[in-house]
Amino acid sequence: MKWLAIVLVLASSPAFADQTIWNDMTRQHRDDSVLNQDGGACDAQLGPIVHGAAPSRAYRRCMRSRGWSFQRLIRQTAEKTWIDPDTGDTCRDLKFNGTVIGSECGNMF
């Protein structure tokens, strides 16, 4: 059985995204492009999945009709940022193995 994940970015910050995990029921080992295309078709028909929530029953039925079964939702927490008072840039902690080793600032977040 092959597991594929569709990552749905549902917030303006690139550091904040939930992952909805779908199983390919056809056993044809379809790739992410097929999953994304099928997800887009269900989004167009029913609207996108609400941030932080599992797909609705209707959305799951739509994906099942295209050969995908819902497995789980992996919630990602928002990365904590702050504004540097001297430059006005957005900053975030740099971490290594869970330990803060510094910070990074810029208006790219």
Protein backbone atom coordinates (compact mmCIF):
# COMPACT_ATOMS: atom_id res chain seq x y z
CA MET A 1 0.00 0.00 0.00
CA LYS A 2 1.42 3.38 -0.97
CA TRP A 3 0.84 6.49 1.13
CA LEU A 4 0.69 9.91 -0.46
CA ALA A 5 0.24 13.22 1.25
CA ILE A 6 -1.37 16.34 -0.05
CA VAL A 7 -0.14 19.40 1.75
CA LEU A 8 -2.76 22.08 1.95
CA VAL A 9 -1.38 25.51 2.74
CA LEU A 10 -4.23 27.28 4.44
CA ALA A 11 -2.59 30.36 5.90
CA SER A 12 -0.59 33.27 4.56
CA SER A 13 2.58 32.22 6.38
CA PRO A 14 4.68 29.52 4.70
CA ALA A 15 5.60 28.20 8.16
CA PHE A 16 2.00 27.17 8.86
CA ALA A 17 0.46 24.26 6.98
CA ASP A 18 -1.65 21.25 7.83
CA GLN A 19 -1.16 17.96 6.02
CA THR A 20 -4.09 15.82 4.97
CA ILE A 21 -2.96 12.24 4.37
CA TRP A 22 -4.81 10.18 1.75
CA ASN A 23 -4.43 6.51 0.80
CA ASP A 24 -4.47 5.43 -2.87
CA MET A 25 -7.19 2.76 -2.95
CA THR A 26 -6.57 1.84 -6.60
CA ARG A 27 -3.14 0.33 -5.80
CA GLN A 28 -1.88 1.79 -9.08
CA HIS A 29 0.82 3.80 -7.26
CA ARG A 30 -0.45 7.12 -8.56
CA ASP A 31 1.78 10.10 -7.81
CA ASP A 32 1.13 13.38 -6.03
CA SER A 33 0.14 15.15 -9.24
CA VAL A 34 -2.93 12.90 -9.55
CA LEU A 35 -3.75 13.44 -5.88
CA ASN A 36 -3.43 17.21 -6.28
CA GLN A 37 -5.61 17.14 -9.40
CA ASP A 38 -8.31 15.11 -7.65
CA GLY A 39 -8.11 17.35 -4.57
CA GLY A 40 -8.49 20.39 -6.83
CA ALA A 41 -11.61 18.89 -8.41
CA CYS A 42 -13.15 18.29 -4.97
CA ASP A 43 -12.11 21.81 -3.87
CA ALA A 44 -13.88 23.27 -6.91
CA GLN A 45 -17.00 21.22 -6.22
CA LEU A 46 -17.22 21.56 -2.43
CA GLY A 47 -14.78 24.28 -1.40
CA PRO A 48 -11.40 23.75 0.23
CA ILE A 49 -10.94 21.88 3.49
CA VAL A 50 -11.39 24.20 6.49
CA HIS A 51 -8.10 24.98 8.22
CA GLY A 52 -7.47 22.80 11.26
CA ALA A 53 -10.39 20.48 10.55
CA ALA A 54 -10.61 17.03 9.01
CA PRO A 55 -12.30 16.88 5.60
CA SER A 56 -16.09 16.86 5.68
CA ARG A 57 -18.06 13.71 4.91
CA ALA A 58 -19.00 15.15 1.49
CA TYR A 59 -15.33 15.93 0.72
CA ARG A 60 -14.30 12.42 1.74
CA ARG A 61 -17.00 10.97 -0.54
CA CYS A 62 -15.74 13.13 -3.40
CA MET A 63 -12.16 11.93 -2.91
CA ARG A 64 -13.31 8.31 -2.46
CA SER A 65 -15.10 8.52 -5.84
CA ARG A 66 -11.67 9.35 -7.29
CA GLY A 67 -9.94 6.44 -5.53
CA TRP A 68 -8.61 8.09 -2.35
CA SER A 69 -9.45 7.30 1.27
CA PHE A 70 -8.80 9.76 4.10
CA GLN A 71 -6.22 8.52 6.61
CA ARG A 72 -5.42 11.35 9.00
CA LEU A 73 -4.81 15.05 9.51
CA ILE A 74 -1.46 16.27 10.79
CA ARG A 75 -1.84 19.69 12.39
CA GLN A 76 1.11 22.08 12.31
CA THR A 77 1.33 24.90 14.80
CA ALA A 78 2.14 28.41 13.69
CA GLU A 79 5.75 29.42 14.03
CA LYS A 80 6.26 32.15 16.59
CA THR A 81 7.58 35.38 15.10
CA TRP A 82 8.23 38.89 16.35
CA ILE A 83 9.02 42.29 14.88
CA ASP A 84 12.54 43.69 15.34
CA PRO A 85 12.00 47.20 16.74
CA ASP A 86 15.18 48.54 15.10
CA THR A 87 14.53 47.35 11.53
CA GLY A 88 10.82 46.48 11.45
CA ASP A 89 11.72 43.04 10.02
CA THR A 90 9.88 39.87 10.99
CA CYS A 91 12.10 37.52 13.01
CA ARG A 92 11.93 33.88 14.05
CA ASP A 93 14.03 31.50 16.13
CA LEU A 94 16.46 29.14 14.44
CA LYS A 95 16.31 25.74 16.09
CA PHE A 96 18.47 22.64 15.99
CA ASN A 97 17.10 19.50 17.63
CA GLY A 98 14.54 21.61 19.48
CA THR A 99 17.14 24.02 20.91
CA VAL A 100 17.15 27.69 19.89
CA ILE A 101 20.57 28.45 18.38
CA GLY A 102 19.89 31.93 17.07
CA SER A 103 17.38 34.01 15.17
CA GLU A 104 16.71 34.99 11.59
CA CYS A 105 15.11 38.24 10.48
CA GLY A 106 13.81 39.52 7.18
CA ASN A 107 10.63 40.42 5.38
CA MET A 108 10.46 37.07 3.58
CA PHE A 109 8.23 35.24 6.07
